[in-house]
Amino acid sequence: MSFGFIITRNVRDEKTNNYWNICIQRIRKFYPYRKIIVIDDNSDRKKIKAAKMYHNVEYIRSEYPGAGELLPFYYFYKHHFFDHAVIIHDSVF
């Protein structure tokens, strides 16, 4: 069974930038090799900074800005990244 993680993020400032970094780091603590898809929902590109180089993480800039929590379901259906997905918001850790 293949599964991975899909995270939505919207970075507006340093605080919200920390959310997605912590989320990925916590996932990596228990699932060091699973694929993580980050769906970016209209973030301020100047504010996005990775805390470190993340491996096996794919970033997708949404073509539907503002769609928020629906984006992971849409992209999972469209791309079928894996058989099963754990879909979470970037502030869940």
PDB file of N, CA and C in Angstrom:
ATOM      1  N   MET A   1       0.846  -1.181   0.000  1.00  0.00           N
ATOM      2  CA  MET A   1       0.000   0.000   0.000  1.00  0.00           C
ATOM      3  C   MET A   1       0.887   1.238   0.000  1.00  0.00           C
ATOM      4  N   SER A   2       0.691   2.092  -0.976  1.00  0.00           N
ATOM      5  CA  SER A   2       1.465   3.332  -0.984  1.00  0.00           C
ATOM      6  C   SER A   2       0.625   4.460  -0.378  1.00  0.00           C
ATOM      7  N   PHE A   3       1.276   5.248   0.442  1.00  0.00           N
ATOM      8  CA  PHE A   3       0.611   6.427   0.985  1.00  0.00           C
ATOM      9  C   PHE A   3       1.647   7.517   1.186  1.00  0.00           C
ATOM     10  N   GLY A   4       1.150   8.736   1.270  1.00  0.00           N
ATOM     11  CA  GLY A   4       1.998   9.890   1.501  1.00  0.00           C
ATOM     12  C   GLY A   4       1.188  10.989   2.149  1.00  0.00           C
ATOM     13  N   PHE A   5       1.791  12.136   2.238  1.00  0.00           N
ATOM     14  CA  PHE A   5       1.182  13.266   2.930  1.00  0.00           C
ATOM     15  C   PHE A   5       0.975  14.421   1.960  1.00  0.00           C
ATOM     16  N   ILE A   6      -0.152  15.101   2.118  1.00  0.00           N
ATOM     17  CA  ILE A   6      -0.419  16.323   1.361  1.00  0.00           C
ATOM     18  C   ILE A   6      -0.714  17.419   2.373  1.00  0.00           C
ATOM     19  N   ILE A   7       0.038  18.506   2.265  1.00  0.00           N
ATOM     20  CA  ILE A   7      -0.081  19.628   3.189  1.00  0.00           C
ATOM     21  C   ILE A   7      -0.469  20.871   2.396  1.00  0.00           C
ATOM     22  N   THR A   8      -1.437  21.615   2.904  1.00  0.00           N
ATOM     23  CA  THR A   8      -1.722  22.929   2.314  1.00  0.00           C
ATOM     24  C   THR A   8      -1.011  23.979   3.152  1.00  0.00           C
ATOM     25  N   ARG A   9      -0.523  25.009   2.485  1.00  0.00           N
ATOM     26  CA  ARG A   9       0.116  26.094   3.229  1.00  0.00           C
ATOM     27  C   ARG A   9      -0.271  27.427   2.611  1.00  0.00           C
ATOM     28  N   ASN A  10      -0.270  28.453   3.470  1.00  0.00           N
ATOM     29  CA  ASN A  10      -0.440  29.828   3.034  1.00  0.00           C
ATOM     30  C   ASN A  10       0.457  30.667   3.921  1.00  0.00           C
ATOM     31  N   VAL A  11       1.586  31.084   3.370  1.00  0.00           N
ATOM     32  CA  VAL A  11       2.584  31.830   4.138  1.00  0.00           C
ATOM     33  C   VAL A  11       2.369  33.320   3.926  1.00  0.00           C
ATOM     34  N   ARG A  12       2.127  34.019   5.032  1.00  0.00           N
ATOM     35  CA  ARG A  12       1.929  35.470   4.988  1.00  0.00           C
ATOM     36  C   ARG A  12       3.025  36.225   5.736  1.00  0.00           C
ATOM     37  N   ASP A  13       3.652  35.546   6.700  1.00  0.00           N
ATOM     38  CA  ASP A  13       4.659  36.192   7.532  1.00  0.00           C
ATOM     39  C   ASP A  13       5.576  35.114   8.129  1.00  0.00           C
ATOM     40  N   GLU A  14       6.476  35.536   9.001  1.00  0.00           N
ATOM     41  CA  GLU A  14       7.434  34.595   9.591  1.00  0.00           C
ATOM     42  C   GLU A  14       6.733  33.508  10.412  1.00  0.00           C
ATOM     43  N   LYS A  15       5.688  33.894  11.135  1.00  0.00           N
ATOM     44  CA  LYS A  15       4.962  32.938  11.970  1.00  0.00           C
ATOM     45  C   LYS A  15       4.327  31.834  11.121  1.00  0.00           C
ATOM     46  N   THR A  16       3.627  32.213  10.058  1.00  0.00           N
ATOM     47  CA  THR A  16       2.990  31.203   9.214  1.00  0.00           C
ATOM     48  C   THR A  16       4.024  30.424   8.403  1.00  0.00           C
ATOM     49  N   ASN A  17       5.184  31.003   8.141  1.00  0.00           N
ATOM     50  CA  ASN A  17       6.260  30.261   7.493  1.00  0.00           C
ATOM     51  C   ASN A  17       6.762  29.135   8.398  1.00  0.00           C
ATOM     52  N   ASN A  18       6.801  29.395   9.688  1.00  0.00           N
ATOM     53  CA  ASN A  18       7.241  28.365  10.635  1.00  0.00           C
ATOM     54  C   ASN A  18       6.290  27.172  10.668  1.00  0.00           C
ATOM     55  N   TYR A  19       5.003  27.407  10.435  1.00  0.00           N
ATOM     56  CA  TYR A  19       4.015  26.333  10.523  1.00  0.00           C
ATOM     57  C   TYR A  19       4.354  25.172   9.593  1.00  0.00           C
ATOM     58  N   TRP A  20       4.552  25.451   8.327  1.00  0.00           N
ATOM     59  CA  TRP A  20       4.786  24.350   7.382  1.00  0.00           C
ATOM     60  C   TRP A  20       6.125  23.676   7.638  1.00  0.00           C
ATOM     61  N   ASN A  21       7.124  24.438   8.092  1.00  0.00           N
ATOM     62  CA  ASN A  21       8.419  23.839   8.420  1.00  0.00           C
ATOM     63  C   ASN A  21       8.290  22.860   9.587  1.00  0.00           C
ATOM     64  N   ILE A  22       7.598  23.271  10.632  1.00  0.00           N
ATOM     65  CA  ILE A  22       7.400  22.389  11.794  1.00  0.00           C
ATOM     66  C   ILE A  22       6.592  21.161  11.385  1.00  0.00           C
ATOM     67  N   CYS A  23       5.571  21.368  10.570  1.00  0.00           N
ATOM     68  CA  CYS A  23       4.730  20.261  10.111  1.00  0.00           C
ATOM     69  C   CYS A  23       5.563  19.198   9.391  1.00  0.00           C
ATOM     70  N   ILE A  24       6.403  19.619   8.465  1.00  0.00           N
ATOM     71  CA  ILE A  24       7.247  18.666   7.736  1.00  0.00           C
ATOM     72  C   ILE A  24       8.239  17.986   8.681  1.00  0.00           C
ATOM     73  N   GLN A  25       8.835  18.735   9.586  1.00  0.00           N
ATOM     74  CA  GLN A  25       9.801  18.147  10.515  1.00  0.00           C
ATOM     75  C   GLN A  25       9.149  17.106  11.414  1.00  0.00           C
ATOM     76  N   ARG A  26       7.928  17.335  11.836  1.00  0.00           N
ATOM     77  CA  ARG A  26       7.228  16.371  12.689  1.00  0.00           C
ATOM     78  C   ARG A  26       6.854  15.114  11.900  1.00  0.00           C
ATOM     79  N   ILE A  27       6.440  15.286  10.664  1.00  0.00           N
ATOM     80  CA  ILE A  27       6.149  14.115   9.828  1.00  0.00           C
ATOM     81  C   ILE A  27       7.425  13.292   9.642  1.00  0.00           C
ATOM     82  N   ARG A  28       8.517  13.961   9.365  1.00  0.00           N
ATOM     83  CA  ARG A  28       9.797  13.277   9.127  1.00  0.00           C
ATOM     84  C   ARG A  28      10.292  12.522  10.360  1.00  0.00           C
ATOM     85  N   LYS A  29       9.882  12.944  11.530  1.00  0.00           N
ATOM     86  CA  LYS A  29      10.289  12.249  12.753  1.00  0.00           C
ATOM     87  C   LYS A  29       9.795  10.799  12.752  1.00  0.00           C
ATOM     88  N   PHE A  30       8.582  10.564  12.226  1.00  0.00           N
ATOM     89  CA  PHE A  30       7.985   9.229  12.226  1.00  0.00           C
ATOM     90  C   PHE A  30       7.971   8.575  10.848  1.00  0.00           C
ATOM     91  N   TYR A  31       8.024   9.379   9.806  1.00  0.00           N
ATOM     92  CA  TYR A  31       7.999   8.870   8.430  1.00  0.00           C
ATOM     93  C   TYR A  31       9.125   9.527   7.633  1.00  0.00           C
ATOM     94  N   PRO A  32      10.347   9.104   7.856  1.00  0.00           N
ATOM     95  CA  PRO A  32      11.497   9.795   7.247  1.00  0.00           C
ATOM     96  C   PRO A  32      11.585   9.690   5.732  1.00  0.00           C
ATOM     97  N   TYR A  33      10.907   8.726   5.118  1.00  0.00           N
ATOM     98  CA  TYR A  33      11.069   8.520   3.680  1.00  0.00           C
ATOM     99  C   TYR A  33       9.790   8.684   2.867  1.00  0.00           C
ATOM    100  N   ARG A  34       8.675   8.919   3.510  1.00  0.00           N
ATOM    101  CA  ARG A  34       7.410   9.057   2.783  1.00  0.00           C
ATOM    102  C   ARG A  34       7.386  10.368   1.991  1.00  0.00           C
ATOM    103  N   LYS A  35       6.742  10.316   0.854  1.00  0.00           N
ATOM    104  CA  LYS A  35       6.600  11.490  -0.001  1.00  0.00           C
ATOM    105  C   LYS A  35       5.664  12.493   0.667  1.00  0.00           C
ATOM    106  N   ILE A  36       6.031  13.777   0.580  1.00  0.00           N
ATOM    107  CA  ILE A  36       5.194  14.857   1.077  1.00  0.00           C
ATOM    108  C   ILE A  36       4.956  15.821  -0.081  1.00  0.00           C
ATOM    109  N   ILE A  37       3.698  16.139  -0.314  1.00  0.00           N
ATOM    110  CA  ILE A  37       3.314  17.118  -1.322  1.00  0.00           C
ATOM    111  C   ILE A  37       2.858  18.367  -0.575  1.00  0.00           C
ATOM    112  N   VAL A  38       3.433  19.511  -0.901  1.00  0.00           N
ATOM    113  CA  VAL A  38       3.028  20.772  -0.293  1.00  0.00           C
ATOM    114  C   VAL A  38       2.294  21.576  -1.366  1.00  0.00           C
ATOM    115  N   ILE A  39       1.012  21.851  -1.099  1.00  0.00           N
ATOM    116  CA  ILE A  39       0.206  22.657  -2.012  1.00  0.00           C
ATOM    117  C   ILE A  39       0.207  24.076  -1.467  1.00  0.00           C
ATOM    118  N   ASP A  40       0.788  24.977  -2.227  1.00  0.00           N
ATOM    119  CA  ASP A  40       0.880  26.366  -1.796  1.00  0.00           C
ATOM    120  C   ASP A  40      -0.348  27.137  -2.281  1.00  0.00           C
ATOM    121  N   ASP A  41      -1.065  27.720  -1.338  1.00  0.00           N
ATOM    122  CA  ASP A  41      -2.279  28.468  -1.664  1.00  0.00           C
ATOM    123  C   ASP A  41      -2.030  29.968  -1.547  1.00  0.00           C
ATOM    124  N   ASN A  42      -1.444  30.533  -2.594  1.00  0.00           N
ATOM    125  CA  ASN A  42      -1.310  31.979  -2.714  1.00  0.00           C
ATOM    126  C   ASN A  42      -0.429  32.611  -1.632  1.00  0.00           C
ATOM    127  N   SER A  43       0.689  31.980  -1.307  1.00  0.00           N
ATOM    128  CA  SER A  43       1.612  32.532  -0.314  1.00  0.00           C
ATOM    129  C   SER A  43       2.376  33.726  -0.878  1.00  0.00           C
ATOM    130  N   ASP A  44       2.878  34.552   0.032  1.00  0.00           N
ATOM    131  CA  ASP A  44       3.797  35.625  -0.339  1.00  0.00           C
ATOM    132  C   ASP A  44       5.155  34.963  -0.570  1.00  0.00           C
ATOM    133  N   ARG A  45       5.582  34.885  -1.801  1.00  0.00           N
ATOM    134  CA  ARG A  45       6.814  34.158  -2.144  1.00  0.00           C
ATOM    135  C   ARG A  45       8.041  34.689  -1.415  1.00  0.00           C
ATOM    136  N   LYS A  46       8.048  35.967  -1.093  1.00  0.00           N
ATOM    137  CA  LYS A  46       9.197  36.561  -0.397  1.00  0.00           C
ATOM    138  C   LYS A  46       9.295  36.075   1.050  1.00  0.00           C
ATOM    139  N   LYS A  47       8.201  35.581   1.588  1.00  0.00           N
ATOM    140  CA  LYS A  47       8.170  35.143   2.990  1.00  0.00           C
ATOM    141  C   LYS A  47       8.453  33.650   3.156  1.00  0.00           C
ATOM    142  N   ILE A  48       8.442  32.883   2.063  1.00  0.00           N
ATOM    143  CA  ILE A  48       8.646  31.436   2.161  1.00  0.00           C
ATOM    144  C   ILE A  48      10.128  31.126   2.300  1.00  0.00           C
ATOM    145  N   LYS A  49      10.463  30.474   3.406  1.00  0.00           N
ATOM    146  CA  LYS A  49      11.843  30.066   3.648  1.00  0.00           C
ATOM    147  C   LYS A  49      11.832  28.699   4.319  1.00  0.00           C
ATOM    148  N   ALA A  50      12.483  27.747   3.674  1.00  0.00           N
ATOM    149  CA  ALA A  50      12.602  26.415   4.270  1.00  0.00           C
ATOM    150  C   ALA A  50      13.647  26.458   5.375  1.00  0.00           C
ATOM    151  N   ALA A  51      13.359  25.802   6.485  1.00  0.00           N
ATOM    152  CA  ALA A  51      14.296  25.759   7.611  1.00  0.00           C
ATOM    153  C   ALA A  51      15.538  24.958   7.249  1.00  0.00           C
ATOM    154  N   LYS A  52      15.391  24.002   6.322  1.00  0.00           N
ATOM    155  CA  LYS A  52      16.505  23.210   5.828  1.00  0.00           C
ATOM    156  C   LYS A  52      16.095  22.585   4.502  1.00  0.00           C
ATOM    157  N   MET A  53      16.991  21.854   3.893  1.00  0.00           N
ATOM    158  CA  MET A  53      16.684  21.180   2.627  1.00  0.00           C
ATOM    159  C   MET A  53      15.889  19.925   2.947  1.00  0.00           C
ATOM    160  N   TYR A  54      14.659  19.870   2.488  1.00  0.00           N
ATOM    161  CA  TYR A  54      13.803  18.707   2.725  1.00  0.00           C
ATOM    162  C   TYR A  54      13.896  17.756   1.533  1.00  0.00           C
ATOM    163  N   HIS A  55      13.999  16.474   1.834  1.00  0.00           N
ATOM    164  CA  HIS A  55      14.087  15.462   0.789  1.00  0.00           C
ATOM    165  C   HIS A  55      12.733  14.796   0.585  1.00  0.00           C
ATOM    166  N   ASN A  56      12.467  14.427  -0.652  1.00  0.00           N
ATOM    167  CA  ASN A  56      11.234  13.754  -1.030  1.00  0.00           C
ATOM    168  C   ASN A  56      10.005  14.619  -0.737  1.00  0.00           C
ATOM    169  N   VAL A  57      10.150  15.925  -0.975  1.00  0.00           N
ATOM    170  CA  VAL A  57       9.054  16.874  -0.815  1.00  0.00           C
ATOM    171  C   VAL A  57       8.853  17.572  -2.156  1.00  0.00           C
ATOM    172  N   GLU A  58       7.618  17.568  -2.619  1.00  0.00           N
ATOM    173  CA  GLU A  58       7.277  18.227  -3.889  1.00  0.00           C
ATOM    174  C   GLU A  58       6.387  19.424  -3.585  1.00  0.00           C
ATOM    175  N   TYR A  59       6.675  20.549  -4.219  1.00  0.00           N
ATOM    176  CA  TYR A  59       5.917  21.774  -4.000  1.00  0.00           C
ATOM    177  C   TYR A  59       5.085  22.086  -5.238  1.00  0.00           C
ATOM    178  N   ILE A  60       3.811  22.383  -5.018  1.00  0.00           N
ATOM    179  CA  ILE A  60       2.911  22.735  -6.109  1.00  0.00           C
ATOM    180  C   ILE A  60       2.272  24.075  -5.775  1.00  0.00           C
ATOM    181  N   ARG A  61       2.416  25.015  -6.666  1.00  0.00           N
ATOM    182  CA  ARG A  61       1.754  26.308  -6.501  1.00  0.00           C
ATOM    183  C   ARG A  61       0.354  26.171  -7.100  1.00  0.00           C
ATOM    184  N   SER A  62      -0.646  26.430  -6.298  1.00  0.00           N
ATOM    185  CA  SER A  62      -2.018  26.222  -6.728  1.00  0.00           C
ATOM    186  C   SER A  62      -2.391  27.130  -7.888  1.00  0.00           C
ATOM    187  N   GLU A  63      -3.112  26.562  -8.810  1.00  0.00           N
ATOM    188  CA  GLU A  63      -3.645  27.349  -9.917  1.00  0.00           C
ATOM    189  C   GLU A  63      -4.999  27.952  -9.545  1.00  0.00           C
ATOM    190  N   TYR A  64      -5.460  27.674  -8.318  1.00  0.00           N
ATOM    191  CA  TYR A  64      -6.734  28.196  -7.817  1.00  0.00           C
ATOM    192  C   TYR A  64      -6.520  28.912  -6.483  1.00  0.00           C
ATOM    193  N   PRO A  65      -5.914  30.094  -6.492  1.00  0.00           N
ATOM    194  CA  PRO A  65      -5.629  30.807  -5.241  1.00  0.00           C
ATOM    195  C   PRO A  65      -6.894  31.047  -4.416  1.00  0.00           C
ATOM    196  N   GLY A  66      -6.764  30.784  -3.133  1.00  0.00           N
ATOM    197  CA  GLY A  66      -7.860  31.022  -2.212  1.00  0.00           C
ATOM    198  C   GLY A  66      -8.782  29.829  -2.021  1.00  0.00           C
ATOM    199  N   ALA A  67      -8.536  28.723  -2.715  1.00  0.00           N
ATOM    200  CA  ALA A  67      -9.404  27.549  -2.586  1.00  0.00           C
ATOM    201  C   ALA A  67      -9.144  26.787  -1.289  1.00  0.00           C
ATOM    202  N   GLY A  68      -8.023  27.082  -0.635  1.00  0.00           N
ATOM    203  CA  GLY A  68      -7.727  26.574   0.694  1.00  0.00           C
ATOM    204  C   GLY A  68      -7.791  25.082   0.889  1.00  0.00           C
ATOM    205  N   GLU A  69      -8.666  24.660   1.789  1.00  0.00           N
ATOM    206  CA  GLU A  69      -8.712  23.273   2.220  1.00  0.00           C
ATOM    207  C   GLU A  69      -9.211  22.302   1.147  1.00  0.00           C
ATOM    208  N   LEU A  70      -9.761  22.797   0.066  1.00  0.00           N
ATOM    209  CA  LEU A  70     -10.199  21.908  -1.013  1.00  0.00           C
ATOM    210  C   LEU A  70      -9.047  21.489  -1.926  1.00  0.00           C
ATOM    211  N   LEU A  71      -7.976  22.254  -1.928  1.00  0.00           N
ATOM    212  CA  LEU A  71      -6.858  22.009  -2.848  1.00  0.00           C
ATOM    213  C   LEU A  71      -6.237  20.627  -2.725  1.00  0.00           C
ATOM    214  N   PRO A  72      -5.969  20.106  -1.528  1.00  0.00           N
ATOM    215  CA  PRO A  72      -5.348  18.777  -1.455  1.00  0.00           C
ATOM    216  C   PRO A  72      -6.201  17.688  -2.099  1.00  0.00           C
ATOM    217  N   PHE A  73      -7.513  17.784  -1.937  1.00  0.00           N
ATOM    218  CA  PHE A  73      -8.402  16.782  -2.521  1.00  0.00           C
ATOM    219  C   PHE A  73      -8.394  16.880  -4.042  1.00  0.00           C
ATOM    220  N   TYR A  74      -8.413  18.095  -4.537  1.00  0.00           N
ATOM    221  CA  TYR A  74      -8.392  18.304  -5.986  1.00  0.00           C
ATOM    222  C   TYR A  74      -7.100  17.764  -6.603  1.00  0.00           C
ATOM    223  N   TYR A  75      -5.959  18.132  -6.015  1.00  0.00           N
ATOM    224  CA  TYR A  75      -4.680  17.692  -6.580  1.00  0.00           C
ATOM    225  C   TYR A  75      -4.446  16.192  -6.384  1.00  0.00           C
ATOM    226  N   PHE A  76      -4.940  15.637  -5.307  1.00  0.00           N
ATOM    227  CA  PHE A  76      -4.843  14.185  -5.114  1.00  0.00           C
ATOM    228  C   PHE A  76      -5.644  13.459  -6.192  1.00  0.00           C
ATOM    229  N   TYR A  77      -6.841  13.949  -6.466  1.00  0.00           N
ATOM    230  CA  TYR A  77      -7.675  13.354  -7.508  1.00  0.00           C
ATOM    231  C   TYR A  77      -7.036  13.539  -8.885  1.00  0.00           C
ATOM    232  N   LYS A  78      -6.502  14.727  -9.148  1.00  0.00           N
ATOM    233  CA  LYS A  78      -5.935  15.047 -10.462  1.00  0.00           C
ATOM    234  C   LYS A  78      -4.639  14.278 -10.744  1.00  0.00           C
ATOM    235  N   HIS A  79      -3.746  14.168  -9.754  1.00  0.00           N
ATOM    236  CA  HIS A  79      -2.414  13.591  -9.973  1.00  0.00           C
ATOM    237  C   HIS A  79      -2.235  12.184  -9.412  1.00  0.00           C
ATOM    238  N   HIS A  80      -3.108  11.768  -8.506  1.00  0.00           N
ATOM    239  CA  HIS A  80      -3.020  10.444  -7.876  1.00  0.00           C
ATOM    240  C   HIS A  80      -1.560  10.138  -7.483  1.00  0.00           C
ATOM    241  N   PHE A  81      -1.020  10.966  -6.581  1.00  0.00           N
ATOM    242  CA  PHE A  81       0.373  10.846  -6.146  1.00  0.00           C
ATOM    243  C   PHE A  81       0.683   9.489  -5.519  1.00  0.00           C
ATOM    244  N   PHE A  82      -0.272   8.938  -4.788  1.00  0.00           N
ATOM    245  CA  PHE A  82      -0.134   7.650  -4.115  1.00  0.00           C
ATOM    246  C   PHE A  82      -1.533   7.048  -3.979  1.00  0.00           C
ATOM    247  N   ASP A  83      -1.607   5.808  -3.481  1.00  0.00           N
ATOM    248  CA  ASP A  83      -2.913   5.160  -3.331  1.00  0.00           C
ATOM    249  C   ASP A  83      -3.768   5.805  -2.236  1.00  0.00           C
ATOM    250  N   HIS A  84      -3.116   6.173  -1.142  1.00  0.00           N
ATOM    251  CA  HIS A  84      -3.806   6.767   0.005  1.00  0.00           C
ATOM    252  C   HIS A  84      -3.032   8.009   0.449  1.00  0.00           C
ATOM    253  N   ALA A  85      -3.765   8.992   0.954  1.00  0.00           N
ATOM    254  CA  ALA A  85      -3.117  10.225   1.386  1.00  0.00           C
ATOM    255  C   ALA A  85      -3.584  10.638   2.779  1.00  0.00           C
ATOM    256  N   VAL A  86      -2.650  11.172   3.539  1.00  0.00           N
ATOM    257  CA  VAL A  86      -2.957  11.831   4.791  1.00  0.00           C
ATOM    258  C   VAL A  86      -2.930  13.317   4.444  1.00  0.00           C
ATOM    259  N   ILE A  87      -4.090  13.956   4.547  1.00  0.00           N
ATOM    260  CA  ILE A  87      -4.227  15.354   4.137  1.00  0.00           C
ATOM    261  C   ILE A  87      -4.355  16.204   5.394  1.00  0.00           C
ATOM    262  N   ILE A  88      -3.430  17.161   5.527  1.00  0.00           N
ATOM    263  CA  ILE A  88      -3.446  18.024   6.710  1.00  0.00           C
ATOM    264  C   ILE A  88      -3.124  19.466   6.326  1.00  0.00           C
ATOM    265  N   HIS A  89      -3.513  20.360   7.194  1.00  0.00           N
ATOM    266  CA  HIS A  89      -3.198  21.771   7.037  1.00  0.00           C
ATOM    267  C   HIS A  89      -1.835  22.011   7.668  1.00  0.00           C
ATOM    268  N   ASP A  90      -1.113  23.001   7.194  1.00  0.00           N
ATOM    269  CA  ASP A  90       0.262  23.217   7.659  1.00  0.00           C
ATOM    270  C   ASP A  90       0.368  23.550   9.144  1.00  0.00           C
ATOM    271  N   SER A  91      -0.719  23.992   9.768  1.00  0.00           N
ATOM    272  CA  SER A  91      -0.650  24.323  11.185  1.00  0.00           C
ATOM    273  C   SER A  91      -0.943  23.132  12.082  1.00  0.00           C
ATOM    274  N   VAL A  92      -1.095  21.941  11.495  1.00  0.00           N
ATOM    275  CA  VAL A  92      -1.343  20.732  12.281  1.00  0.00           C
ATOM    276  C   VAL A  92      -0.009  20.053  12.548  1.00  0.00           C
ATOM    277  N   PHE A  93       0.361  19.998  13.790  1.00  0.00           N
ATOM    278  CA  PHE A  93       1.557  19.283  14.190  1.00  0.00           C
ATOM    279  C   PHE A  93       1.379  18.902  15.625  1.00  0.00           C
TER     280      PHE A  93
END
